PDB file of all heavy atoms in Angstrom:
ATOM      1  N   GLU A   1     176.396  16.645 172.618  1.00  0.00           N
ATOM      2  CA  GLU A   1     176.417  18.017 173.231  1.00  0.00           C
ATOM      3  C   GLU A   1     175.709  19.025 172.334  1.00  0.00           C
ATOM      4  O   GLU A   1     175.096  19.950 172.835  1.00  0.00           O
ATOM      5  CB  GLU A   1     177.842  18.402 173.537  1.00  0.00           C
ATOM      6  CG  GLU A   1     177.906  19.682 174.407  1.00  0.00           C
ATOM      7  CD  GLU A   1     179.364  19.963 174.757  1.00  0.00           C
ATOM      8  OE1 GLU A   1     180.085  20.628 173.822  1.00  0.00           O
ATOM      9  OE2 GLU A   1     179.831  19.760 175.772  1.00  0.00           O
ATOM     10  N   ASP A   2     175.860  18.840 171.034  1.00  0.00           N
ATOM     11  CA  ASP A   2     175.390  19.806 170.059  1.00  0.00           C
ATOM     12  C   ASP A   2     174.878  18.915 168.874  1.00  0.00           C
ATOM     13  O   ASP A   2     175.626  18.469 168.072  1.00  0.00           O
ATOM     14  CB  ASP A   2     176.453  20.768 169.547  1.00  0.00           C
ATOM     15  CG  ASP A   2     175.913  21.793 168.638  1.00  0.00           C
ATOM     16  OD1 ASP A   2     174.795  21.641 168.122  1.00  0.00           O
ATOM     17  OD2 ASP A   2     176.632  22.721 168.279  1.00  0.00           O
ATOM     18  N   GLN A   3     173.521  18.878 168.760  1.00  0.00           N
ATOM     19  CA  GLN A   3     172.915  17.988 167.747  1.00  0.00           C
ATOM     20  C   GLN A   3     173.263  18.415 166.307  1.00  0.00           C
ATOM     21  O   GLN A   3     173.128  17.707 165.392  1.00  0.00           O
ATOM     22  CB  GLN A   3     171.448  17.919 167.932  1.00  0.00           C
ATOM     23  CG  GLN A   3     171.028  17.179 169.302  1.00  0.00           C
ATOM     24  CD  GLN A   3     169.484  17.037 169.338  1.00  0.00           C
ATOM     25  OE1 GLN A   3     168.683  17.729 168.629  1.00  0.00           O
ATOM     26  NE2 GLN A   3     169.098  16.216 170.375  1.00  0.00           N
ATOM     27  N   ARG A   4     173.581  19.733 166.122  1.00  0.00           N
ATOM     28  CA  ARG A   4     173.794  20.210 164.777  1.00  0.00           C
ATOM     29  C   ARG A   4     175.331  20.307 164.476  1.00  0.00           C
ATOM     30  O   ARG A   4     175.692  20.846 163.322  1.00  0.00           O
ATOM     31  CB  ARG A   4     173.213  21.639 164.625  1.00  0.00           C
ATOM     32  CG  ARG A   4     171.690  21.635 164.800  1.00  0.00           C
ATOM     33  CD  ARG A   4     171.140  22.980 164.381  1.00  0.00           C
ATOM     34  NE  ARG A   4     171.002  23.111 163.010  1.00  0.00           N
ATOM     35  CZ  ARG A   4     170.816  24.222 162.334  1.00  0.00           C
ATOM     36  NH1 ARG A   4     170.635  25.388 163.019  1.00  0.00           N
ATOM     37  NH2 ARG A   4     170.758  24.349 161.026  1.00  0.00           N
ATOM     38  N   TRP A   5     176.162  19.845 165.352  1.00  0.00           N
ATOM     39  CA  TRP A   5     177.592  19.855 165.163  1.00  0.00           C
ATOM     40  C   TRP A   5     178.047  19.221 163.914  1.00  0.00           C
ATOM     41  O   TRP A   5     178.849  19.689 163.119  1.00  0.00           O
ATOM     42  CB  TRP A   5     178.267  19.403 166.371  1.00  0.00           C
ATOM     43  CG  TRP A   5     179.781  19.502 166.323  1.00  0.00           C
ATOM     44  CD1 TRP A   5     180.525  20.645 166.229  1.00  0.00           C
ATOM     45  CD2 TRP A   5     180.748  18.426 166.191  1.00  0.00           C
ATOM     46  NE1 TRP A   5     181.819  20.286 166.095  1.00  0.00           N
ATOM     47  CE2 TRP A   5     182.029  18.980 166.090  1.00  0.00           C
ATOM     48  CE3 TRP A   5     180.622  17.015 166.165  1.00  0.00           C
ATOM     49  CZ2 TRP A   5     183.161  18.247 165.967  1.00  0.00           C
ATOM     50  CZ3 TRP A   5     181.762  16.201 166.121  1.00  0.00           C
ATOM     51  CH2 TRP A   5     183.068  16.819 165.988  1.00  0.00           C
ATOM     52  N   THR A   6     177.612  17.949 163.690  1.00  0.00           N
ATOM     53  CA  THR A   6     177.955  17.204 162.470  1.00  0.00           C
ATOM     54  C   THR A   6     177.411  17.905 161.271  1.00  0.00           C
ATOM     55  O   THR A   6     178.115  17.940 160.159  1.00  0.00           O
ATOM     56  CB  THR A   6     177.524  15.825 162.499  1.00  0.00           C
ATOM     57  OG1 THR A   6     176.037  15.719 162.716  1.00  0.00           O
ATOM     58  CG2 THR A   6     178.255  14.952 163.614  1.00  0.00           C
ATOM     59  N   SER A   7     176.225  18.489 161.296  1.00  0.00           N
ATOM     60  CA  SER A   7     175.725  19.251 160.120  1.00  0.00           C
ATOM     61  C   SER A   7     176.614  20.450 159.795  1.00  0.00           C
ATOM     62  O   SER A   7     176.798  20.783 158.629  1.00  0.00           O
ATOM     63  CB  SER A   7     174.261  19.681 160.466  1.00  0.00           C
ATOM     64  OG  SER A   7     173.480  18.546 160.415  1.00  0.00           O
ATOM     65  N   GLN A   8     177.089  21.178 160.894  1.00  0.00           N
ATOM     66  CA  GLN A   8     177.940  22.262 160.751  1.00  0.00           C
ATOM     67  C   GLN A   8     179.271  21.841 160.021  1.00  0.00           C
ATOM     68  O   GLN A   8     179.724  22.488 159.078  1.00  0.00           O
ATOM     69  CB  GLN A   8     178.298  22.843 162.112  1.00  0.00           C
ATOM     70  CG  GLN A   8     179.351  24.034 162.039  1.00  0.00           C
ATOM     71  CD  GLN A   8     178.775  25.245 161.300  1.00  0.00           C
ATOM     72  OE1 GLN A   8     177.751  25.806 161.783  1.00  0.00           O
ATOM     73  NE2 GLN A   8     179.468  25.698 160.168  1.00  0.00           N
ATOM     74  N   LEU A   9     179.828  20.759 160.431  1.00  0.00           N
ATOM     75  CA  LEU A   9     181.036  20.246 159.796  1.00  0.00           C
ATOM     76  C   LEU A   9     180.823  19.874 158.342  1.00  0.00           C
ATOM     77  O   LEU A   9     181.631  20.146 157.444  1.00  0.00           O
ATOM     78  CB  LEU A   9     181.554  18.958 160.596  1.00  0.00           C
ATOM     79  CG  LEU A   9     182.115  19.277 162.018  1.00  0.00           C
ATOM     80  CD1 LEU A   9     182.742  17.948 162.471  1.00  0.00           C
ATOM     81  CD2 LEU A   9     183.185  20.386 162.000  1.00  0.00           C
ATOM     82  N   ALA A  10     179.630  19.193 158.068  1.00  0.00           N
ATOM     83  CA  ALA A  10     179.255  18.844 156.768  1.00  0.00           C
ATOM     84  C   ALA A  10     179.184  20.111 155.826  1.00  0.00           C
ATOM     85  O   ALA A  10     179.599  20.146 154.685  1.00  0.00           O
ATOM     86  CB  ALA A  10     177.993  18.019 156.722  1.00  0.00           C
ATOM     87  N   MET A  11     178.563  21.126 156.364  1.00  0.00           N
ATOM     88  CA  MET A  11     178.270  22.352 155.588  1.00  0.00           C
ATOM     89  C   MET A  11     179.642  23.046 155.299  1.00  0.00           C
ATOM     90  O   MET A  11     179.929  23.507 154.216  1.00  0.00           O
ATOM     91  CB  MET A  11     177.414  23.266 156.396  1.00  0.00           C
ATOM     92  CG  MET A  11     177.084  24.549 155.615  1.00  0.00           C
ATOM     93  SD  MET A  11     176.060  24.232 154.117  1.00  0.00           S
ATOM     94  CE  MET A  11     174.472  23.942 154.912  1.00  0.00           C
ATOM     95  N   GLU A  12     180.578  23.092 156.325  1.00  0.00           N
ATOM     96  CA  GLU A  12     181.811  23.637 156.060  1.00  0.00           C
ATOM     97  C   GLU A  12     182.627  23.003 154.987  1.00  0.00           C
ATOM     98  O   GLU A  12     183.181  23.628 154.086  1.00  0.00           O
ATOM     99  CB  GLU A  12     182.691  23.652 157.359  1.00  0.00           C
ATOM    100  CG  GLU A  12     182.089  24.540 158.472  1.00  0.00           C
ATOM    101  CD  GLU A  12     182.858  24.365 159.783  1.00  0.00           C
ATOM    102  OE1 GLU A  12     184.001  23.941 159.667  1.00  0.00           O
ATOM    103  OE2 GLU A  12     182.333  24.763 160.853  1.00  0.00           O
ATOM    104  N   THR A  13     182.571  21.652 154.952  1.00  0.00           N
ATOM    105  CA  THR A  13     183.271  20.831 153.849  1.00  0.00           C
ATOM    106  C   THR A  13     182.601  21.091 152.567  1.00  0.00           C
ATOM    107  O   THR A  13     183.239  21.302 151.526  1.00  0.00           O
ATOM    108  CB  THR A  13     183.293  19.401 154.269  1.00  0.00           C
ATOM    109  OG1 THR A  13     183.889  19.162 155.503  1.00  0.00           O
ATOM    110  CG2 THR A  13     184.051  18.585 153.205  1.00  0.00           C
ATOM    111  N   LEU A  14     181.264  21.129 152.540  1.00  0.00           N
ATOM    112  CA  LEU A  14     180.508  21.348 151.296  1.00  0.00           C
ATOM    113  C   LEU A  14     180.906  22.674 150.688  1.00  0.00           C
ATOM    114  O   LEU A  14     181.078  22.761 149.527  1.00  0.00           O
ATOM    115  CB  LEU A  14     179.039  21.222 151.583  1.00  0.00           C
ATOM    116  CG  LEU A  14     178.111  21.481 150.326  1.00  0.00           C
ATOM    117  CD1 LEU A  14     178.292  20.416 149.290  1.00  0.00           C
ATOM    118  CD2 LEU A  14     176.640  21.474 150.846  1.00  0.00           C
ATOM    119  N   VAL A  15     180.884  23.725 151.522  1.00  0.00           N
ATOM    120  CA  VAL A  15     181.205  25.026 151.026  1.00  0.00           C
ATOM    121  C   VAL A  15     182.631  25.092 150.418  1.00  0.00           C
ATOM    122  O   VAL A  15     182.904  25.643 149.419  1.00  0.00           O
ATOM    123  CB  VAL A  15     181.082  26.101 152.165  1.00  0.00           C
ATOM    124  CG1 VAL A  15     181.586  27.383 151.658  1.00  0.00           C
ATOM    125  CG2 VAL A  15     179.584  26.258 152.578  1.00  0.00           C
ATOM    126  N   GLN A  16     183.526  24.417 151.089  1.00  0.00           N
ATOM    127  CA  GLN A  16     184.907  24.316 150.581  1.00  0.00           C
ATOM    128  C   GLN A  16     184.992  23.531 149.286  1.00  0.00           C
ATOM    129  O   GLN A  16     185.650  23.971 148.325  1.00  0.00           O
ATOM    130  CB  GLN A  16     185.867  23.606 151.614  1.00  0.00           C
ATOM    131  CG  GLN A  16     186.087  24.409 152.896  1.00  0.00           C
ATOM    132  CD  GLN A  16     187.156  25.529 152.713  1.00  0.00           C
ATOM    133  OE1 GLN A  16     187.559  25.891 151.574  1.00  0.00           O
ATOM    134  NE2 GLN A  16     187.589  26.079 153.822  1.00  0.00           N
ATOM    135  N   GLU A  17     184.266  22.477 149.154  1.00  0.00           N
ATOM    136  CA  GLU A  17     184.218  21.713 147.924  1.00  0.00           C
ATOM    137  C   GLU A  17     183.740  22.528 146.775  1.00  0.00           C
ATOM    138  O   GLU A  17     184.283  22.567 145.675  1.00  0.00           O
ATOM    139  CB  GLU A  17     183.380  20.461 148.065  1.00  0.00           C
ATOM    140  CG  GLU A  17     183.886  19.371 148.971  1.00  0.00           C
ATOM    141  CD  GLU A  17     182.976  18.250 149.224  1.00  0.00           C
ATOM    142  OE1 GLU A  17     181.727  18.426 148.966  1.00  0.00           O
ATOM    143  OE2 GLU A  17     183.413  17.157 149.734  1.00  0.00           O
ATOM    144  N   ALA A  18     182.636  23.182 147.063  1.00  0.00           N
ATOM    145  CA  ALA A  18     181.969  24.000 145.969  1.00  0.00           C
ATOM    146  C   ALA A  18     182.861  25.184 145.451  1.00  0.00           C
ATOM    147  O   ALA A  18     182.650  25.673 144.362  1.00  0.00           O
ATOM    148  CB  ALA A  18     180.638  24.569 146.440  1.00  0.00           C
ATOM    149  N   GLY A  19     183.728  25.530 146.273  1.00  0.00           N
ATOM    150  CA  GLY A  19     184.625  26.763 145.920  1.00  0.00           C
ATOM    151  C   GLY A  19     185.979  26.408 145.279  1.00  0.00           C
ATOM    152  O   GLY A  19     186.772  27.263 144.890  1.00  0.00           O
ATOM    153  N   ARG A  20     186.248  25.033 145.082  1.00  0.00           N
ATOM    154  CA  ARG A  20     187.606  24.721 144.558  1.00  0.00           C
ATOM    155  C   ARG A  20     187.840  25.214 143.133  1.00  0.00           C
ATOM    156  O   ARG A  20     188.953  25.468 142.716  1.00  0.00           O
ATOM    157  CB  ARG A  20     187.790  23.217 144.621  1.00  0.00           C
ATOM    158  CG  ARG A  20     187.888  22.501 145.913  1.00  0.00           C
ATOM    159  CD  ARG A  20     188.939  23.113 146.741  1.00  0.00           C
ATOM    160  NE  ARG A  20     188.437  24.116 147.611  1.00  0.00           N
ATOM    161  CZ  ARG A  20     189.192  25.129 148.094  1.00  0.00           C
ATOM    162  NH1 ARG A  20     190.462  25.250 147.855  1.00  0.00           N
ATOM    163  NH2 ARG A  20     188.618  25.976 148.938  1.00  0.00           N
ATOM    164  N   GLY A  21     186.693  25.380 142.333  1.00  0.00           N
ATOM    165  CA  GLY A  21     186.841  25.790 141.011  1.00  0.00           C
ATOM    166  C   GLY A  21     186.594  27.172 140.688  1.00  0.00           C
ATOM    167  O   GLY A  21     186.634  27.606 139.470  1.00  0.00           O
ATOM    168  N   THR A  22     186.278  28.009 141.623  1.00  0.00           N
ATOM    169  CA  THR A  22     185.989  29.403 141.333  1.00  0.00           C
ATOM    170  C   THR A  22     186.902  30.228 142.191  1.00  0.00           C
ATOM    171  O   THR A  22     186.774  30.447 143.358  1.00  0.00           O
ATOM    172  CB  THR A  22     184.477  29.782 141.768  1.00  0.00           C
ATOM    173  OG1 THR A  22     183.591  28.834 141.126  1.00  0.00           O
ATOM    174  CG2 THR A  22     184.208  31.174 141.311  1.00  0.00           C
ATOM    175  N   ARG A  23     187.989  30.754 141.541  1.00  0.00           N
ATOM    176  CA  ARG A  23     189.075  31.333 142.323  1.00  0.00           C
ATOM    177  C   ARG A  23     189.244  32.896 142.000  1.00  0.00           C
ATOM    178  O   ARG A  23     190.199  33.461 142.467  1.00  0.00           O
ATOM    179  CB  ARG A  23     190.407  30.597 142.065  1.00  0.00           C
ATOM    180  CG  ARG A  23     190.294  29.088 142.157  1.00  0.00           C
ATOM    181  CD  ARG A  23     189.689  28.634 143.424  1.00  0.00           C
ATOM    182  NE  ARG A  23     190.404  29.084 144.565  1.00  0.00           N
ATOM    183  CZ  ARG A  23     189.957  28.947 145.825  1.00  0.00           C
ATOM    184  NH1 ARG A  23     188.850  28.369 146.141  1.00  0.00           N
ATOM    185  NH2 ARG A  23     190.703  29.429 146.866  1.00  0.00           N
ATOM    186  N   SER A  24     188.401  33.416 141.099  1.00  0.00           N
ATOM    187  CA  SER A  24     188.437  34.814 140.845  1.00  0.00           C
ATOM    188  C   SER A  24     187.156  35.333 140.349  1.00  0.00           C
ATOM    189  O   SER A  24     186.209  34.482 140.158  1.00  0.00           O
ATOM    190  CB  SER A  24     189.439  35.103 139.678  1.00  0.00           C
ATOM    191  OG  SER A  24     189.003  34.647 138.477  1.00  0.00           O
ATOM    192  N   ALA A  25     186.909  36.499 140.243  1.00  0.00           N
ATOM    193  CA  ALA A  25     185.557  37.145 139.791  1.00  0.00           C
ATOM    194  C   ALA A  25     185.287  36.806 138.347  1.00  0.00           C
ATOM    195  O   ALA A  25     184.085  36.860 137.976  1.00  0.00           O
ATOM    196  CB  ALA A  25     185.583  38.670 139.953  1.00  0.00           C
ATOM    197  N   THR A  26     186.241  36.366 137.575  1.00  0.00           N
ATOM    198  CA  THR A  26     185.913  36.025 136.174  1.00  0.00           C
ATOM    199  C   THR A  26     185.862  34.489 136.008  1.00  0.00           C
ATOM    200  O   THR A  26     185.572  34.017 134.909  1.00  0.00           O
ATOM    201  CB  THR A  26     187.006  36.595 135.269  1.00  0.00           C
ATOM    202  OG1 THR A  26     188.272  36.056 135.655  1.00  0.00           O
ATOM    203  CG2 THR A  26     186.959  38.099 135.310  1.00  0.00           C
ATOM    204  N   ASP A  27     186.181  33.726 137.041  1.00  0.00           N
ATOM    205  CA  ASP A  27     186.177  32.299 136.960  1.00  0.00           C
ATOM    206  C   ASP A  27     184.714  31.723 136.930  1.00  0.00           C
ATOM    207  O   ASP A  27     183.894  32.325 137.526  1.00  0.00           O
ATOM    208  CB  ASP A  27     186.977  31.698 138.155  1.00  0.00           C
ATOM    209  CG  ASP A  27     187.756  30.438 137.801  1.00  0.00           C
ATOM    210  OD1 ASP A  27     187.485  29.853 136.788  1.00  0.00           O
ATOM    211  OD2 ASP A  27     188.591  30.037 138.576  1.00  0.00           O
ATOM    212  N   ARG A  28     184.657  30.615 136.272  1.00  0.00           N
ATOM    213  CA  ARG A  28     183.286  29.983 136.250  1.00  0.00           C
ATOM    214  C   ARG A  28     183.372  28.478 136.504  1.00  0.00           C
ATOM    215  O   ARG A  28     184.234  27.784 136.023  1.00  0.00           O
ATOM    216  CB  ARG A  28     182.613  30.153 134.876  1.00  0.00           C
ATOM    217  CG  ARG A  28     182.274  31.628 134.560  1.00  0.00           C
ATOM    218  CD  ARG A  28     181.848  31.681 133.130  1.00  0.00           C
ATOM    219  NE  ARG A  28     181.438  33.121 132.758  1.00  0.00           N
ATOM    220  CZ  ARG A  28     180.260  33.589 132.932  1.00  0.00           C
ATOM    221  NH1 ARG A  28     179.226  32.900 133.369  1.00  0.00           N
ATOM    222  NH2 ARG A  28     180.056  34.937 132.593  1.00  0.00           N
ATOM    223  N   CYS A  29     182.476  27.945 137.333  1.00  0.00           N
ATOM    224  CA  CYS A  29     182.450  26.516 137.652  1.00  0.00           C
ATOM    225  C   CYS A  29     181.075  26.108 138.107  1.00  0.00           C
ATOM    226  O   CYS A  29     180.550  26.710 139.117  1.00  0.00           O
ATOM    227  CB  CYS A  29     183.542  26.161 138.772  1.00  0.00           C
ATOM    228  SG  CYS A  29     183.693  24.364 139.091  1.00  0.00           S
ATOM    229  N   GLN A  30     180.481  25.156 137.540  1.00  0.00           N
ATOM    230  CA  GLN A  30     179.173  24.630 137.833  1.00  0.00           C
ATOM    231  C   GLN A  30     179.260  23.534 138.946  1.00  0.00           C
ATOM    232  O   GLN A  30     180.150  22.776 138.834  1.00  0.00           O
ATOM    233  CB  GLN A  30     178.466  24.119 136.573  1.00  0.00           C
ATOM    234  CG  GLN A  30     177.057  23.656 136.719  1.00  0.00           C
ATOM    235  CD  GLN A  30     176.568  23.038 135.384  1.00  0.00           C
ATOM    236  OE1 GLN A  30     177.323  22.394 134.653  1.00  0.00           O
ATOM    237  NE2 GLN A  30     175.283  23.207 135.155  1.00  0.00           N
ATOM    238  N   VAL A  31     178.430  23.643 139.880  1.00  0.00           N
ATOM    239  CA  VAL A  31     178.411  22.598 141.001  1.00  0.00           C
ATOM    240  C   VAL A  31     177.117  21.901 141.026  1.00  0.00           C
ATOM    241  O   VAL A  31     176.022  22.497 141.049  1.00  0.00           O
ATOM    242  CB  VAL A  31     178.609  23.362 142.397  1.00  0.00           C
ATOM    243  CG1 VAL A  31     178.643  22.270 143.467  1.00  0.00           C
ATOM    244  CG2 VAL A  31     179.879  24.123 142.417  1.00  0.00           C
ATOM    245  N   ILE A  32     177.224  20.555 140.919  1.00  0.00           N
ATOM    246  CA  ILE A  32     176.075  19.685 140.784  1.00  0.00           C
ATOM    247  C   ILE A  32     176.046  18.712 141.922  1.00  0.00           C
ATOM    248  O   ILE A  32     177.038  17.982 142.075  1.00  0.00           O
ATOM    249  CB  ILE A  32     176.082  18.997 139.429  1.00  0.00           C
ATOM    250  CG1 ILE A  32     176.192  19.976 138.281  1.00  0.00           C
ATOM    251  CG2 ILE A  32     174.814  18.106 139.280  1.00  0.00           C
ATOM    252  CD1 ILE A  32     176.432  19.414 136.908  1.00  0.00           C
ATOM    253  N   ILE A  33     175.022  18.586 142.668  1.00  0.00           N
ATOM    254  CA  ILE A  33     174.797  17.679 143.779  1.00  0.00           C
ATOM    255  C   ILE A  33     173.976  16.529 143.400  1.00  0.00           C
ATOM    256  O   ILE A  33     172.825  16.709 142.911  1.00  0.00           O
ATOM    257  CB  ILE A  33     174.218  18.417 144.963  1.00  0.00           C
ATOM    258  CG1 ILE A  33     175.160  19.552 145.372  1.00  0.00           C
ATOM    259  CG2 ILE A  33     174.025  17.444 146.195  1.00  0.00           C
ATOM    260  CD1 ILE A  33     174.525  20.550 146.386  1.00  0.00           C
ATOM    261  N   VAL A  34     174.466  15.293 143.612  1.00  0.00           N
ATOM    262  CA  VAL A  34     173.738  14.090 143.065  1.00  0.00           C
ATOM    263  C   VAL A  34     173.391  13.153 144.226  1.00  0.00           C
ATOM    264  O   VAL A  34     173.157  12.013 144.111  1.00  0.00           O
ATOM    265  CB  VAL A  34     174.480  13.274 141.974  1.00  0.00           C
ATOM    266  CG1 VAL A  34     174.651  14.073 140.797  1.00  0.00           C
ATOM    267  CG2 VAL A  34     175.925  12.896 142.516  1.00  0.00           C
ATOM    268  N   ASP A  35     173.343  13.745 145.494  1.00  0.00           N
ATOM    269  CA  ASP A  35     172.852  13.006 146.721  1.00  0.00           C
ATOM    270  C   ASP A  35     171.508  13.583 147.101  1.00  0.00           C
ATOM    271  O   ASP A  35     171.449  14.784 147.454  1.00  0.00           O
ATOM    272  CB  ASP A  35     173.915  13.233 147.767  1.00  0.00           C
ATOM    273  CG  ASP A  35     173.546  12.510 149.110  1.00  0.00           C
ATOM    274  OD1 ASP A  35     172.465  11.884 149.142  1.00  0.00           O
ATOM    275  OD2 ASP A  35     174.268  12.565 150.093  1.00  0.00           O
ATOM    276  N   ASP A  36     170.471  12.731 147.011  1.00  0.00           N
ATOM    277  CA  ASP A  36     169.197  13.186 147.431  1.00  0.00           C
ATOM    278  C   ASP A  36     168.935  13.574 148.845  1.00  0.00           C
ATOM    279  O   ASP A  36     167.885  14.076 149.261  1.00  0.00           O
ATOM    280  CB  ASP A  36     168.099  12.164 146.933  1.00  0.00           C
ATOM    281  CG  ASP A  36     167.939  12.058 145.448  1.00  0.00           C
ATOM    282  OD1 ASP A  36     168.666  12.841 144.749  1.00  0.00           O
ATOM    283  OD2 ASP A  36     167.224  11.188 144.959  1.00  0.00           O
ATOM    284  N   THR A  37     169.938  13.272 149.713  1.00  0.00           N
ATOM    285  CA  THR A  37     169.906  13.765 151.100  1.00  0.00           C
ATOM    286  C   THR A  37     169.741  15.261 151.117  1.00  0.00           C
ATOM    287  O   THR A  37     169.180  15.829 151.974  1.00  0.00           O
ATOM    288  CB  THR A  37     171.202  13.429 151.856  1.00  0.00           C
ATOM    289  OG1 THR A  37     171.386  11.941 151.784  1.00  0.00           O
ATOM    290  CG2 THR A  37     171.218  13.872 153.224  1.00  0.00           C
ATOM    291  N   TRP A  38     170.173  15.933 150.094  1.00  0.00           N
ATOM    292  CA  TRP A  38     170.123  17.402 149.891  1.00  0.00           C
ATOM    293  C   TRP A  38     168.694  17.873 150.017  1.00  0.00           C
ATOM    294  O   TRP A  38     168.472  18.938 150.514  1.00  0.00           O
ATOM    295  CB  TRP A  38     170.752  17.809 148.521  1.00  0.00           C
ATOM    296  CG  TRP A  38     170.530  19.202 148.152  1.00  0.00           C
ATOM    297  CD1 TRP A  38     169.495  19.758 147.387  1.00  0.00           C
ATOM    298  CD2 TRP A  38     171.396  20.263 148.503  1.00  0.00           C
ATOM    299  NE1 TRP A  38     169.749  21.105 147.291  1.00  0.00           N
ATOM    300  CE2 TRP A  38     170.950  21.428 147.934  1.00  0.00           C
ATOM    301  CE3 TRP A  38     172.645  20.326 149.211  1.00  0.00           C
ATOM    302  CZ2 TRP A  38     171.565  22.728 148.104  1.00  0.00           C
ATOM    303  CZ3 TRP A  38     173.249  21.533 149.367  1.00  0.00           C
ATOM    304  CH2 TRP A  38     172.635  22.751 148.860  1.00  0.00           C
ATOM    305  N   GLN A  39     167.710  17.042 149.558  1.00  0.00           N
ATOM    306  CA  GLN A  39     166.338  17.492 149.575  1.00  0.00           C
ATOM    307  C   GLN A  39     165.780  17.839 150.890  1.00  0.00           C
ATOM    308  O   GLN A  39     165.003  18.814 151.006  1.00  0.00           O
ATOM    309  CB  GLN A  39     165.470  16.440 148.847  1.00  0.00           C
ATOM    310  CG  GLN A  39     165.854  16.229 147.388  1.00  0.00           C
ATOM    311  CD  GLN A  39     165.035  15.116 146.728  1.00  0.00           C
ATOM    312  OE1 GLN A  39     164.994  14.026 147.315  1.00  0.00           O
ATOM    313  NE2 GLN A  39     164.531  15.325 145.569  1.00  0.00           N
ATOM    314  N   TRP A  40     166.264  17.138 151.968  1.00  0.00           N
ATOM    315  CA  TRP A  40     165.742  17.466 153.289  1.00  0.00           C
ATOM    316  C   TRP A  40     166.833  18.280 154.104  1.00  0.00           C
ATOM    317  O   TRP A  40     166.518  19.157 154.964  1.00  0.00           O
ATOM    318  CB  TRP A  40     165.375  16.247 154.074  1.00  0.00           C
ATOM    319  CG  TRP A  40     166.430  15.305 154.468  1.00  0.00           C
ATOM    320  CD1 TRP A  40     166.851  14.195 153.744  1.00  0.00           C
ATOM    321  CD2 TRP A  40     167.387  15.391 155.539  1.00  0.00           C
ATOM    322  NE1 TRP A  40     167.910  13.582 154.282  1.00  0.00           N
ATOM    323  CE2 TRP A  40     168.310  14.338 155.382  1.00  0.00           C
ATOM    324  CE3 TRP A  40     167.490  16.271 156.604  1.00  0.00           C
ATOM    325  CZ2 TRP A  40     169.258  14.105 156.352  1.00  0.00           C
ATOM    326  CZ3 TRP A  40     168.536  16.005 157.546  1.00  0.00           C
ATOM    327  CH2 TRP A  40     169.411  14.940 157.416  1.00  0.00           C
ATOM    328  N   TRP A  41     168.105  17.942 153.751  1.00  0.00           N
ATOM    329  CA  TRP A  41     169.245  18.558 154.502  1.00  0.00           C
ATOM    330  C   TRP A  41     169.396  19.978 154.337  1.00  0.00           C
ATOM    331  O   TRP A  41     169.596  20.746 155.249  1.00  0.00           O
ATOM    332  CB  TRP A  41     170.513  17.771 154.162  1.00  0.00           C
ATOM    333  CG  TRP A  41     171.705  18.163 154.940  1.00  0.00           C
ATOM    334  CD1 TRP A  41     172.054  17.745 156.212  1.00  0.00           C
ATOM    335  CD2 TRP A  41     172.762  19.069 154.577  1.00  0.00           C
ATOM    336  NE1 TRP A  41     173.185  18.342 156.647  1.00  0.00           N
ATOM    337  CE2 TRP A  41     173.658  19.140 155.641  1.00  0.00           C
ATOM    338  CE3 TRP A  41     172.977  19.811 153.355  1.00  0.00           C
ATOM    339  CZ2 TRP A  41     174.757  19.952 155.586  1.00  0.00           C
ATOM    340  CZ3 TRP A  41     174.124  20.608 153.338  1.00  0.00           C
ATOM    341  CH2 TRP A  41     174.989  20.732 154.417  1.00  0.00           C
ATOM    342  N   TRP A  42     169.306  20.418 153.041  1.00  0.00           N
ATOM    343  CA  TRP A  42     169.510  21.891 152.790  1.00  0.00           C
ATOM    344  C   TRP A  42     168.416  22.742 153.387  1.00  0.00           C
ATOM    345  O   TRP A  42     168.744  23.732 154.056  1.00  0.00           O
ATOM    346  CB  TRP A  42     169.657  22.053 151.272  1.00  0.00           C
ATOM    347  CG  TRP A  42     169.643  23.553 150.871  1.00  0.00           C
ATOM    348  CD1 TRP A  42     168.712  24.281 150.246  1.00  0.00           C
ATOM    349  CD2 TRP A  42     170.775  24.469 151.149  1.00  0.00           C
ATOM    350  NE1 TRP A  42     169.147  25.580 150.027  1.00  0.00           N
ATOM    351  CE2 TRP A  42     170.321  25.770 150.639  1.00  0.00           C
ATOM    352  CE3 TRP A  42     171.985  24.299 151.802  1.00  0.00           C
ATOM    353  CZ2 TRP A  42     171.211  26.849 150.707  1.00  0.00           C
ATOM    354  CZ3 TRP A  42     172.793  25.430 151.868  1.00  0.00           C
ATOM    355  CH2 TRP A  42     172.425  26.651 151.313  1.00  0.00           C
ATOM    356  N   PRO A  43     167.106  22.498 153.249  1.00  0.00           N
ATOM    357  CA  PRO A  43     166.161  23.305 153.888  1.00  0.00           C
ATOM    358  C   PRO A  43     166.354  23.384 155.426  1.00  0.00           C
ATOM    359  O   PRO A  43     166.128  24.504 156.026  1.00  0.00           O
ATOM    360  CB  PRO A  43     164.826  22.725 153.552  1.00  0.00           C
ATOM    361  CG  PRO A  43     165.043  21.930 152.210  1.00  0.00           C
ATOM    362  CD  PRO A  43     166.495  21.369 152.415  1.00  0.00           C
ATOM    363  N   LYS A  44     166.801  22.327 156.022  1.00  0.00           N
ATOM    364  CA  LYS A  44     166.961  22.218 157.507  1.00  0.00           C
ATOM    365  C   LYS A  44     168.214  22.902 157.881  1.00  0.00           C
ATOM    366  O   LYS A  44     168.148  23.553 159.067  1.00  0.00           O
ATOM    367  CB  LYS A  44     167.042  20.766 157.905  1.00  0.00           C
ATOM    368  CG  LYS A  44     167.071  20.586 159.401  1.00  0.00           C
ATOM    369  CD  LYS A  44     167.148  19.132 159.755  1.00  0.00           C
ATOM    370  CE  LYS A  44     167.263  18.856 161.287  1.00  0.00           C
ATOM    371  NZ  LYS A  44     167.255  17.440 161.606  1.00  0.00           N
ATOM    372  N   ASN A  45     169.264  23.008 157.106  1.00  0.00           N
ATOM    373  CA  ASN A  45     170.574  23.513 157.567  1.00  0.00           C
ATOM    374  C   ASN A  45     171.086  24.607 156.811  1.00  0.00           C
ATOM    375  O   ASN A  45     172.244  25.037 156.927  1.00  0.00           O
ATOM    376  CB  ASN A  45     171.554  22.363 157.558  1.00  0.00           C
ATOM    377  CG  ASN A  45     171.234  21.264 158.482  1.00  0.00           C
ATOM    378  OD1 ASN A  45     171.227  21.502 159.712  1.00  0.00           O
ATOM    379  ND2 ASN A  45     170.938  20.086 157.918  1.00  0.00           N
TER     380      ASN A  45
END
């Protein structure tokens, strides 16, 4: 029904994952992606 629905779910989970270690304005956490799917997936979505 919606071709981008799974990409939307993936993005929501990714955003949640990236935020687990930054919980305040002074907090610091580096996020590193090691899946090369990112190379086409991020520009598209």
